[in-house]
């Protein structure tokens, strides 16, 4: 039913315009053979937790693995709660979350609530999020210094906190510089 371009137009109450566009793009991604999609929380209309659940459930029903993107800084609402993430994690196609709330509290709550893969959205939070059970980072720095970011993640996976911390401090100033202007301006300049 999601593969029909007319479906969105014929069910406007159950499928707001933004969800229709996301679903159409995810169908295209699936048809093109993509391994998965990164899907950001709905923005502008400040959806409730149930509204975000319905949105991501519809996205997951396309049948391609979904990484939730909890980008609170660019959304109009509060972002996903740990309870909503745990409920979404029960859906077979929801496989991970790019956690971008800007701290470790929500990552801690999510880990306590479910076993979804948690990836940091901020290079500077990779070590603490992985220490709490996260599995890595969707990295900006990885575009500039991929080996160091991979080494940091490998060190954390191996339990070598001293090495991970050393790499973290080596990269910290560069990581901060990447957000001195609106992303991706500094990254493109680098």
N, C-alpha and C. Protein backbone atom coordinates (compact mmCIF):
# COMPACT_ATOMS: atom_id res chain seq x y z
N UNK A 1 0.83 -1.19 0.00
CA UNK A 1 0.00 0.00 0.00
C UNK A 1 0.88 1.26 0.00
N UNK A 2 2.06 1.23 0.64
CA UNK A 2 2.92 2.40 0.67
C UNK A 2 3.59 2.68 -0.67
N UNK A 3 3.62 1.68 -1.55
CA UNK A 3 4.30 1.89 -2.81
C UNK A 3 3.45 2.69 -3.80
N UNK A 4 2.21 2.88 -3.50
CA UNK A 4 1.33 3.64 -4.38
C UNK A 4 1.47 5.13 -4.12
N UNK A 5 1.81 5.90 -5.13
CA UNK A 5 1.95 7.34 -4.97
C UNK A 5 0.59 7.98 -4.63
N UNK A 6 -0.51 7.33 -4.99
CA UNK A 6 -1.82 7.88 -4.72
C UNK A 6 -2.28 7.65 -3.29
N UNK A 7 -1.64 6.73 -2.59
CA UNK A 7 -2.07 6.41 -1.23
C UNK A 7 -2.04 7.63 -0.33
N UNK A 8 -0.95 8.39 -0.38
CA UNK A 8 -0.83 9.57 0.48
C UNK A 8 -1.93 10.58 0.19
N UNK A 9 -2.20 10.81 -1.06
CA UNK A 9 -3.22 11.78 -1.43
C UNK A 9 -4.62 11.31 -1.04
N UNK A 10 -4.84 10.00 -0.99
CA UNK A 10 -6.17 9.50 -0.73
C UNK A 10 -6.47 9.37 0.77
N UNK A 11 -5.47 9.51 1.62
CA UNK A 11 -5.69 9.38 3.06
C UNK A 11 -5.04 10.56 3.78
N UNK A 12 -5.51 11.79 3.54
CA UNK A 12 -4.84 12.96 4.10
C UNK A 12 -4.88 13.05 5.62
N UNK A 13 -5.88 12.50 6.26
CA UNK A 13 -5.97 12.59 7.71
C UNK A 13 -4.94 11.67 8.37
N UNK A 14 -4.74 10.49 7.83
CA UNK A 14 -3.80 9.54 8.42
C UNK A 14 -2.37 9.77 7.95
N UNK A 15 -2.19 10.61 6.96
CA UNK A 15 -0.87 10.78 6.39
C UNK A 15 -0.61 12.25 6.10
N UNK A 16 -0.17 13.02 7.10
CA UNK A 16 0.13 14.42 6.83
C UNK A 16 1.17 14.55 5.72
N UNK A 17 1.20 15.70 5.10
CA UNK A 17 2.07 15.92 3.94
C UNK A 17 3.51 15.50 4.19
N UNK A 18 4.08 15.89 5.33
CA UNK A 18 5.49 15.55 5.57
C UNK A 18 5.68 14.03 5.65
N UNK A 19 4.74 13.33 6.28
CA UNK A 19 4.86 11.88 6.38
C UNK A 19 4.76 11.25 4.99
N UNK A 20 3.89 11.77 4.14
CA UNK A 20 3.77 11.26 2.78
C UNK A 20 5.08 11.39 2.04
N UNK A 21 5.71 12.55 2.16
CA UNK A 21 6.99 12.78 1.48
C UNK A 21 8.05 11.83 2.00
N UNK A 22 8.11 11.65 3.31
CA UNK A 22 9.08 10.74 3.91
C UNK A 22 8.83 9.31 3.43
N UNK A 23 7.60 8.90 3.43
CA UNK A 23 7.26 7.55 2.99
C UNK A 23 7.64 7.36 1.52
N UNK A 24 7.29 8.34 0.68
CA UNK A 24 7.65 8.25 -0.75
C UNK A 24 9.16 8.11 -0.93
N UNK A 25 9.92 8.92 -0.20
CA UNK A 25 11.37 8.86 -0.32
C UNK A 25 11.94 7.54 0.20
N UNK A 26 11.34 7.01 1.26
CA UNK A 26 11.82 5.73 1.79
C UNK A 26 11.47 4.57 0.87
N UNK A 27 10.33 4.64 0.20
CA UNK A 27 9.99 3.64 -0.81
C UNK A 27 11.04 3.68 -1.93
N UNK A 28 11.39 4.89 -2.35
CA UNK A 28 12.43 5.03 -3.39
C UNK A 28 13.76 4.45 -2.91
N UNK A 29 14.13 4.74 -1.67
CA UNK A 29 15.38 4.22 -1.12
C UNK A 29 15.37 2.70 -1.11
N UNK A 30 14.25 2.12 -0.70
CA UNK A 30 14.12 0.66 -0.69
C UNK A 30 14.22 0.11 -2.11
N UNK A 31 13.52 0.74 -3.04
CA UNK A 31 13.53 0.28 -4.43
C UNK A 31 14.92 0.39 -5.05
N UNK A 32 15.71 1.35 -4.60
CA UNK A 32 17.07 1.53 -5.12
C UNK A 32 18.07 0.59 -4.46
N UNK A 33 17.61 -0.17 -3.46
CA UNK A 33 18.49 -1.15 -2.81
C UNK A 33 19.26 -0.62 -1.61
N UNK A 34 18.85 0.51 -1.06
CA UNK A 34 19.52 1.04 0.12
C UNK A 34 19.37 0.08 1.29
N UNK A 35 20.37 0.04 2.16
CA UNK A 35 20.35 -0.85 3.31
C UNK A 35 19.47 -0.35 4.44
N UNK A 36 19.21 0.94 4.49
CA UNK A 36 18.41 1.51 5.56
C UNK A 36 18.26 3.00 5.35
N UNK A 37 17.49 3.63 6.24
CA UNK A 37 17.26 5.06 6.15
C UNK A 37 17.44 5.70 7.53
N UNK A 38 17.85 6.94 7.52
CA UNK A 38 17.91 7.78 8.71
C UNK A 38 16.70 8.69 8.63
N UNK A 39 15.82 8.62 9.62
CA UNK A 39 14.56 9.36 9.56
C UNK A 39 14.45 10.29 10.77
N UNK A 40 14.41 11.59 10.49
CA UNK A 40 14.38 12.61 11.53
C UNK A 40 12.98 12.74 12.13
N UNK A 41 12.93 13.19 13.37
CA UNK A 41 11.63 13.43 14.00
C UNK A 41 10.90 14.52 13.22
N UNK A 42 9.58 14.43 13.16
CA UNK A 42 8.82 15.45 12.44
C UNK A 42 9.07 16.84 13.06
N UNK A 43 9.14 17.82 12.22
CA UNK A 43 9.40 19.16 12.70
C UNK A 43 8.24 20.07 12.34
N UNK A 44 8.27 21.25 12.82
CA UNK A 44 7.33 22.34 12.57
C UNK A 44 6.01 22.21 13.34
N UNK A 45 5.37 21.06 13.31
CA UNK A 45 4.03 20.98 13.89
C UNK A 45 4.00 20.48 15.33
N UNK A 46 5.12 20.29 15.98
CA UNK A 46 5.23 19.88 17.38
C UNK A 46 4.35 18.67 17.70
N UNK A 47 4.63 17.53 17.11
CA UNK A 47 3.80 16.36 17.37
C UNK A 47 3.96 15.85 18.80
N UNK A 48 2.92 15.21 19.27
CA UNK A 48 2.96 14.56 20.58
C UNK A 48 3.81 13.29 20.46
N UNK A 49 4.06 12.64 21.59
CA UNK A 49 4.79 11.37 21.55
C UNK A 49 4.01 10.34 20.73
N UNK A 50 2.70 10.30 20.90
CA UNK A 50 1.89 9.36 20.11
C UNK A 50 1.94 9.71 18.63
N UNK A 51 1.96 11.00 18.32
CA UNK A 51 2.08 11.43 16.93
C UNK A 51 3.42 11.01 16.33
N UNK A 52 4.50 11.14 17.11
CA UNK A 52 5.82 10.71 16.61
C UNK A 52 5.86 9.19 16.45
N UNK A 53 5.22 8.48 17.39
CA UNK A 53 5.15 7.02 17.25
C UNK A 53 4.43 6.65 15.96
N UNK A 54 3.29 7.28 15.70
CA UNK A 54 2.53 6.99 14.48
C UNK A 54 3.35 7.31 13.23
N UNK A 55 4.08 8.41 13.28
CA UNK A 55 4.93 8.79 12.14
C UNK A 55 5.97 7.72 11.86
N UNK A 56 6.75 7.37 12.87
CA UNK A 56 7.82 6.40 12.66
C UNK A 56 7.30 4.99 12.39
N UNK A 57 6.14 4.65 12.93
CA UNK A 57 5.52 3.36 12.62
C UNK A 57 5.20 3.29 11.14
N UNK A 58 4.62 4.37 10.60
CA UNK A 58 4.30 4.42 9.17
C UNK A 58 5.58 4.33 8.34
N UNK A 59 6.63 5.02 8.77
CA UNK A 59 7.91 4.97 8.07
C UNK A 59 8.46 3.53 8.09
N UNK A 60 8.40 2.88 9.24
CA UNK A 60 8.93 1.52 9.38
C UNK A 60 8.14 0.52 8.55
N UNK A 61 6.86 0.77 8.34
CA UNK A 61 6.03 -0.15 7.57
C UNK A 61 6.41 -0.19 6.10
N UNK A 62 7.26 0.72 5.65
CA UNK A 62 7.76 0.68 4.27
C UNK A 62 8.57 -0.60 4.07
N UNK A 63 9.20 -1.08 5.13
CA UNK A 63 9.93 -2.35 5.03
C UNK A 63 11.42 -2.19 4.81
N UNK A 64 11.99 -1.05 5.19
CA UNK A 64 13.42 -0.82 5.12
C UNK A 64 13.88 -0.46 6.53
N UNK A 65 15.04 -0.96 6.99
CA UNK A 65 15.49 -0.64 8.34
C UNK A 65 15.59 0.87 8.57
N UNK A 66 15.16 1.30 9.75
CA UNK A 66 15.08 2.72 10.09
C UNK A 66 15.97 3.02 11.28
N UNK A 67 16.82 4.06 11.12
CA UNK A 67 17.52 4.66 12.24
C UNK A 67 16.75 5.94 12.59
N UNK A 68 16.20 5.98 13.79
CA UNK A 68 15.51 7.16 14.27
C UNK A 68 16.54 8.28 14.45
N UNK A 69 16.18 9.50 14.13
CA UNK A 69 17.08 10.64 14.33
C UNK A 69 16.39 11.60 15.26
N UNK A 70 16.81 11.58 16.51
CA UNK A 70 16.20 12.41 17.54
C UNK A 70 16.91 13.77 17.58
N UNK A 71 16.71 14.56 16.53
CA UNK A 71 17.39 15.84 16.37
C UNK A 71 16.56 16.93 17.02
N UNK A 72 16.67 17.01 18.33
CA UNK A 72 15.86 17.94 19.12
C UNK A 72 16.18 19.39 18.77
N UNK A 73 17.43 19.70 18.47
CA UNK A 73 17.84 21.06 18.19
C UNK A 73 17.21 21.67 16.95
N UNK A 74 16.79 20.85 16.02
CA UNK A 74 16.19 21.36 14.79
C UNK A 74 14.69 21.10 14.71
N UNK A 75 14.13 20.57 15.76
CA UNK A 75 12.70 20.26 15.77
C UNK A 75 11.96 21.31 16.60
N UNK A 76 10.68 21.41 16.40
CA UNK A 76 9.88 22.38 17.12
C UNK A 76 9.40 21.83 18.46
N UNK A 77 9.43 20.54 18.64
CA UNK A 77 8.90 19.92 19.84
C UNK A 77 9.98 19.36 20.74
N UNK A 78 9.57 18.54 21.68
CA UNK A 78 10.49 18.05 22.70
C UNK A 78 11.39 16.89 22.26
N UNK A 79 11.14 16.29 21.13
CA UNK A 79 11.90 15.11 20.72
C UNK A 79 11.27 13.85 21.29
N UNK A 80 11.88 12.73 20.91
CA UNK A 80 11.38 11.43 21.35
C UNK A 80 11.70 11.20 22.82
N UNK A 81 10.76 10.66 23.55
CA UNK A 81 11.01 10.25 24.93
C UNK A 81 11.57 8.83 24.92
N UNK A 82 12.19 8.44 26.02
CA UNK A 82 12.70 7.08 26.13
C UNK A 82 11.58 6.05 25.99
N UNK A 83 10.42 6.35 26.55
CA UNK A 83 9.28 5.42 26.46
C UNK A 83 8.83 5.25 25.01
N UNK A 84 8.81 6.34 24.24
CA UNK A 84 8.42 6.24 22.83
C UNK A 84 9.47 5.46 22.05
N UNK A 85 10.75 5.72 22.32
CA UNK A 85 11.82 4.97 21.64
C UNK A 85 11.68 3.48 21.96
N UNK A 86 11.41 3.14 23.21
CA UNK A 86 11.26 1.73 23.59
C UNK A 86 10.09 1.09 22.86
N UNK A 87 9.00 1.82 22.72
CA UNK A 87 7.83 1.31 21.99
C UNK A 87 8.17 1.13 20.51
N UNK A 88 8.89 2.09 19.93
CA UNK A 88 9.29 1.98 18.53
C UNK A 88 10.28 0.84 18.32
N UNK A 89 11.13 0.60 19.31
CA UNK A 89 12.13 -0.47 19.21
C UNK A 89 11.49 -1.85 19.11
N UNK A 90 10.23 -1.96 19.46
CA UNK A 90 9.51 -3.23 19.31
C UNK A 90 9.16 -3.52 17.86
N UNK A 91 9.19 -2.49 17.01
CA UNK A 91 8.91 -2.67 15.58
C UNK A 91 10.14 -3.27 14.91
N UNK A 92 9.98 -4.33 14.13
CA UNK A 92 11.15 -5.02 13.57
C UNK A 92 12.05 -4.15 12.69
N UNK A 93 11.50 -3.15 12.03
CA UNK A 93 12.31 -2.34 11.12
C UNK A 93 12.97 -1.14 11.80
N UNK A 94 12.64 -0.87 13.05
CA UNK A 94 13.31 0.21 13.78
C UNK A 94 14.51 -0.42 14.48
N UNK A 95 15.71 -0.08 13.98
CA UNK A 95 16.91 -0.80 14.41
C UNK A 95 17.87 0.02 15.26
N UNK A 96 17.78 1.35 15.21
CA UNK A 96 18.74 2.16 15.95
C UNK A 96 18.23 3.59 16.09
N UNK A 97 18.96 4.35 16.91
CA UNK A 97 18.63 5.76 17.09
C UNK A 97 19.92 6.58 17.08
N UNK A 98 19.89 7.67 16.32
CA UNK A 98 20.94 8.68 16.35
C UNK A 98 20.48 9.68 17.39
N UNK A 99 21.09 9.63 18.56
CA UNK A 99 20.64 10.40 19.71
C UNK A 99 21.31 11.77 19.70
N UNK A 100 20.51 12.83 19.53
CA UNK A 100 21.05 14.18 19.38
C UNK A 100 20.41 15.17 20.35
N UNK A 101 20.10 14.70 21.56
CA UNK A 101 19.51 15.62 22.53
C UNK A 101 20.57 16.51 23.18
N UNK A 102 21.84 16.17 23.00
CA UNK A 102 22.91 17.02 23.49
C UNK A 102 23.48 16.66 24.85
N UNK A 103 23.07 15.54 25.39
CA UNK A 103 23.58 15.10 26.68
C UNK A 103 23.51 13.59 26.78
N UNK A 104 23.75 13.07 27.97
CA UNK A 104 23.71 11.61 28.15
C UNK A 104 22.48 11.13 28.91
N UNK A 105 21.70 12.05 29.45
CA UNK A 105 20.54 11.62 30.24
C UNK A 105 19.55 10.80 29.43
N UNK A 106 19.18 11.30 28.25
CA UNK A 106 18.20 10.56 27.45
C UNK A 106 18.78 9.23 26.97
N UNK A 107 20.04 9.22 26.59
CA UNK A 107 20.68 7.96 26.19
C UNK A 107 20.62 6.96 27.34
N UNK A 108 20.83 7.43 28.57
CA UNK A 108 20.74 6.56 29.75
C UNK A 108 19.33 6.02 29.92
N UNK A 109 18.34 6.89 29.75
CA UNK A 109 16.94 6.47 29.89
C UNK A 109 16.57 5.46 28.80
N UNK A 110 17.04 5.71 27.57
CA UNK A 110 16.74 4.79 26.47
C UNK A 110 17.37 3.42 26.75
N UNK A 111 18.64 3.42 27.16
CA UNK A 111 19.32 2.15 27.43
C UNK A 111 18.62 1.40 28.55
N UNK A 112 18.14 2.09 29.56
CA UNK A 112 17.42 1.44 30.66
C UNK A 112 16.08 0.87 30.20
N UNK A 113 15.50 1.47 29.16
CA UNK A 113 14.17 1.07 28.70
C UNK A 113 14.17 -0.03 27.64
N UNK A 114 15.26 -0.12 26.83
CA UNK A 114 15.27 -1.09 25.74
C UNK A 114 16.69 -1.32 25.23
N UNK A 115 16.82 -2.25 24.29
CA UNK A 115 18.13 -2.62 23.76
C UNK A 115 18.41 -2.08 22.36
N UNK A 116 17.70 -1.04 21.94
CA UNK A 116 17.94 -0.47 20.62
C UNK A 116 19.40 0.01 20.53
N UNK A 117 19.99 -0.06 19.35
CA UNK A 117 21.33 0.48 19.16
C UNK A 117 21.26 1.99 19.28
N UNK A 118 22.11 2.55 20.14
CA UNK A 118 22.17 4.00 20.32
C UNK A 118 23.49 4.49 19.74
N UNK A 119 23.39 5.44 18.83
CA UNK A 119 24.58 6.06 18.26
C UNK A 119 24.57 7.55 18.63
N UNK A 120 25.73 8.03 19.05
CA UNK A 120 25.85 9.44 19.38
C UNK A 120 25.73 10.27 18.11
N UNK A 121 25.14 11.43 18.24
CA UNK A 121 25.08 12.37 17.13
C UNK A 121 26.18 13.41 17.24
N UNK A 122 26.85 13.44 18.38
CA UNK A 122 27.90 14.42 18.63
C UNK A 122 29.21 13.69 18.89
N UNK A 123 30.24 14.04 18.14
CA UNK A 123 31.55 13.42 18.34
C UNK A 123 32.02 13.57 19.78
N UNK A 124 31.75 14.72 20.39
CA UNK A 124 32.22 14.96 21.75
C UNK A 124 31.51 14.11 22.80
N UNK A 125 30.41 13.46 22.43
CA UNK A 125 29.68 12.60 23.37
C UNK A 125 29.83 11.11 23.06
N UNK A 126 30.68 10.77 22.12
CA UNK A 126 30.84 9.36 21.74
C UNK A 126 31.29 8.51 22.92
N UNK A 127 32.34 8.94 23.63
CA UNK A 127 32.86 8.16 24.75
C UNK A 127 31.80 7.96 25.83
N UNK A 128 31.15 9.03 26.33
CA UNK A 128 30.15 8.78 27.38
C UNK A 128 28.96 7.96 26.90
N UNK A 129 28.51 8.18 25.69
CA UNK A 129 27.35 7.40 25.22
C UNK A 129 27.73 5.93 25.04
N UNK A 130 28.92 5.67 24.52
CA UNK A 130 29.35 4.27 24.40
C UNK A 130 29.58 3.65 25.77
N UNK A 131 30.03 4.45 26.74
CA UNK A 131 30.20 3.93 28.10
C UNK A 131 28.87 3.51 28.71
N UNK A 132 27.78 4.12 28.23
CA UNK A 132 26.45 3.79 28.73
C UNK A 132 25.77 2.68 27.92
N UNK A 133 26.50 2.12 26.96
CA UNK A 133 25.93 1.03 26.17
C UNK A 133 25.62 1.39 24.74
N UNK A 134 25.98 2.62 24.32
CA UNK A 134 25.82 3.00 22.92
C UNK A 134 26.77 2.19 22.06
N UNK A 135 26.52 2.21 20.75
CA UNK A 135 27.31 1.37 19.86
C UNK A 135 28.21 2.15 18.91
N UNK A 136 28.22 3.48 19.01
CA UNK A 136 29.09 4.24 18.13
C UNK A 136 28.60 5.65 17.94
N UNK A 137 28.93 6.22 16.78
CA UNK A 137 28.63 7.61 16.49
C UNK A 137 28.31 7.76 15.00
N UNK A 138 27.35 8.63 14.70
CA UNK A 138 27.17 9.10 13.33
C UNK A 138 27.96 10.39 13.32
N UNK A 139 29.16 10.33 12.78
CA UNK A 139 30.20 11.30 13.05
C UNK A 139 30.36 12.37 11.98
N UNK A 140 30.56 13.61 12.44
CA UNK A 140 30.99 14.69 11.57
C UNK A 140 32.49 14.55 11.34
N UNK A 141 33.25 14.33 12.44
CA UNK A 141 34.70 14.20 12.33
C UNK A 141 35.13 13.03 11.45
N UNK A 142 34.30 12.02 11.37
CA UNK A 142 34.62 10.86 10.55
C UNK A 142 34.80 11.21 9.08
N UNK A 143 34.32 12.37 8.68
CA UNK A 143 34.53 12.84 7.31
C UNK A 143 35.91 13.44 7.11
N UNK A 144 36.56 13.85 8.19
CA UNK A 144 37.87 14.48 8.14
C UNK A 144 38.96 13.52 8.59
N UNK A 145 38.69 12.82 9.68
CA UNK A 145 39.69 11.92 10.25
C UNK A 145 39.03 10.58 10.61
N UNK A 146 38.63 9.83 9.59
CA UNK A 146 37.89 8.59 9.84
C UNK A 146 38.66 7.56 10.66
N UNK A 147 39.94 7.45 10.46
CA UNK A 147 40.72 6.44 11.20
C UNK A 147 40.68 6.72 12.70
N UNK A 148 40.85 7.98 13.10
CA UNK A 148 40.84 8.31 14.53
C UNK A 148 39.48 8.04 15.16
N UNK A 149 38.42 8.39 14.45
CA UNK A 149 37.07 8.14 14.98
C UNK A 149 36.83 6.64 15.10
N UNK A 150 37.24 5.88 14.09
CA UNK A 150 37.09 4.42 14.16
C UNK A 150 37.94 3.86 15.30
N UNK A 151 39.15 4.36 15.47
CA UNK A 151 40.02 3.89 16.56
C UNK A 151 39.40 4.19 17.92
N UNK A 152 38.78 5.36 18.06
CA UNK A 152 38.12 5.71 19.31
C UNK A 152 37.00 4.71 19.61
N UNK A 153 36.18 4.42 18.60
CA UNK A 153 35.07 3.47 18.80
C UNK A 153 35.59 2.06 19.10
N UNK A 154 36.63 1.66 18.40
CA UNK A 154 37.22 0.34 18.67
C UNK A 154 37.77 0.26 20.09
N UNK A 155 38.42 1.33 20.54
CA UNK A 155 38.95 1.35 21.90
C UNK A 155 37.82 1.22 22.92
N UNK A 156 36.72 1.92 22.69
CA UNK A 156 35.59 1.80 23.61
C UNK A 156 35.00 0.39 23.58
N UNK A 157 34.87 -0.19 22.38
CA UNK A 157 34.35 -1.56 22.27
C UNK A 157 35.25 -2.55 23.01
N UNK A 158 36.56 -2.30 22.99
CA UNK A 158 37.52 -3.19 23.64
C UNK A 158 37.65 -2.92 25.14
N UNK A 159 36.98 -1.88 25.61
CA UNK A 159 37.06 -1.53 27.03
C UNK A 159 38.34 -0.77 27.39
N UNK A 160 39.03 -0.23 26.40
CA UNK A 160 40.27 0.51 26.62
C UNK A 160 39.94 2.00 26.77
N UNK A 161 39.44 2.34 27.95
CA UNK A 161 39.00 3.70 28.20
C UNK A 161 40.16 4.70 28.12
N UNK A 162 41.33 4.31 28.58
CA UNK A 162 42.48 5.23 28.53
C UNK A 162 42.79 5.63 27.09
N UNK A 163 42.80 4.66 26.18
CA UNK A 163 43.07 4.97 24.77
C UNK A 163 41.93 5.80 24.16
N UNK A 164 40.69 5.41 24.45
CA UNK A 164 39.55 6.16 23.93
C UNK A 164 39.58 7.60 24.44
N UNK A 165 39.89 7.77 25.70
CA UNK A 165 39.95 9.11 26.28
C UNK A 165 41.05 9.94 25.61
N UNK A 166 42.21 9.32 25.38
CA UNK A 166 43.31 10.03 24.72
C UNK A 166 42.92 10.48 23.31
N UNK A 167 42.27 9.60 22.57
CA UNK A 167 41.82 9.97 21.21
C UNK A 167 40.77 11.07 21.30
N UNK A 168 39.85 10.92 22.25
CA UNK A 168 38.81 11.93 22.45
C UNK A 168 39.43 13.31 22.66
N UNK A 169 40.42 13.41 23.55
CA UNK A 169 41.04 14.70 23.83
C UNK A 169 41.83 15.21 22.63
N UNK A 170 42.43 14.31 21.86
CA UNK A 170 43.13 14.73 20.63
C UNK A 170 42.16 15.35 19.63
N UNK A 171 40.94 14.85 19.59
CA UNK A 171 39.95 15.30 18.61
C UNK A 171 39.03 16.40 19.12
N UNK A 172 39.05 16.66 20.41
CA UNK A 172 38.03 17.51 21.02
C UNK A 172 38.00 18.92 20.43
N UNK A 173 39.13 19.57 20.28
CA UNK A 173 39.14 20.95 19.75
C UNK A 173 38.62 20.98 18.31
N UNK A 174 39.02 19.99 17.53
CA UNK A 174 38.53 19.91 16.15
C UNK A 174 37.02 19.68 16.14
N UNK A 175 36.56 18.82 17.03
CA UNK A 175 35.13 18.55 17.14
C UNK A 175 34.37 19.83 17.48
N UNK A 176 34.88 20.59 18.42
CA UNK A 176 34.23 21.86 18.79
C UNK A 176 34.23 22.83 17.62
N UNK A 177 35.34 22.86 16.88
CA UNK A 177 35.44 23.77 15.73
C UNK A 177 34.41 23.43 14.65
N UNK A 178 34.06 22.16 14.54
CA UNK A 178 33.10 21.76 13.51
C UNK A 178 31.72 22.33 13.76
N UNK A 179 31.48 22.84 14.97
CA UNK A 179 30.18 23.42 15.30
C UNK A 179 30.31 24.89 15.68
N UNK A 180 31.42 25.52 15.25
CA UNK A 180 31.60 26.96 15.50
C UNK A 180 30.67 27.78 14.61
N UNK A 181 30.23 27.21 13.51
CA UNK A 181 29.24 27.78 12.61
C UNK A 181 28.19 26.69 12.38
N UNK A 182 27.13 27.04 11.70
CA UNK A 182 26.09 26.06 11.39
C UNK A 182 26.67 24.90 10.59
N UNK A 183 26.41 23.68 11.06
CA UNK A 183 26.84 22.47 10.35
C UNK A 183 26.09 22.42 9.02
N UNK A 184 26.71 22.17 7.92
CA UNK A 184 28.04 21.63 7.65
C UNK A 184 29.08 22.64 7.16
N UNK A 185 28.89 23.95 7.44
CA UNK A 185 29.81 24.95 6.91
C UNK A 185 31.27 24.64 7.30
N UNK A 186 31.60 24.43 8.58
CA UNK A 186 33.00 24.16 8.93
C UNK A 186 33.52 22.86 8.31
N UNK A 187 32.67 21.85 8.24
CA UNK A 187 33.07 20.58 7.65
C UNK A 187 33.45 20.76 6.18
N UNK A 188 32.64 21.50 5.45
CA UNK A 188 32.93 21.74 4.04
C UNK A 188 34.21 22.56 3.87
N UNK A 189 34.46 23.49 4.80
CA UNK A 189 35.67 24.30 4.75
C UNK A 189 36.91 23.44 5.02
N UNK A 190 36.75 22.46 5.89
CA UNK A 190 37.89 21.57 6.22
C UNK A 190 38.23 20.71 5.04
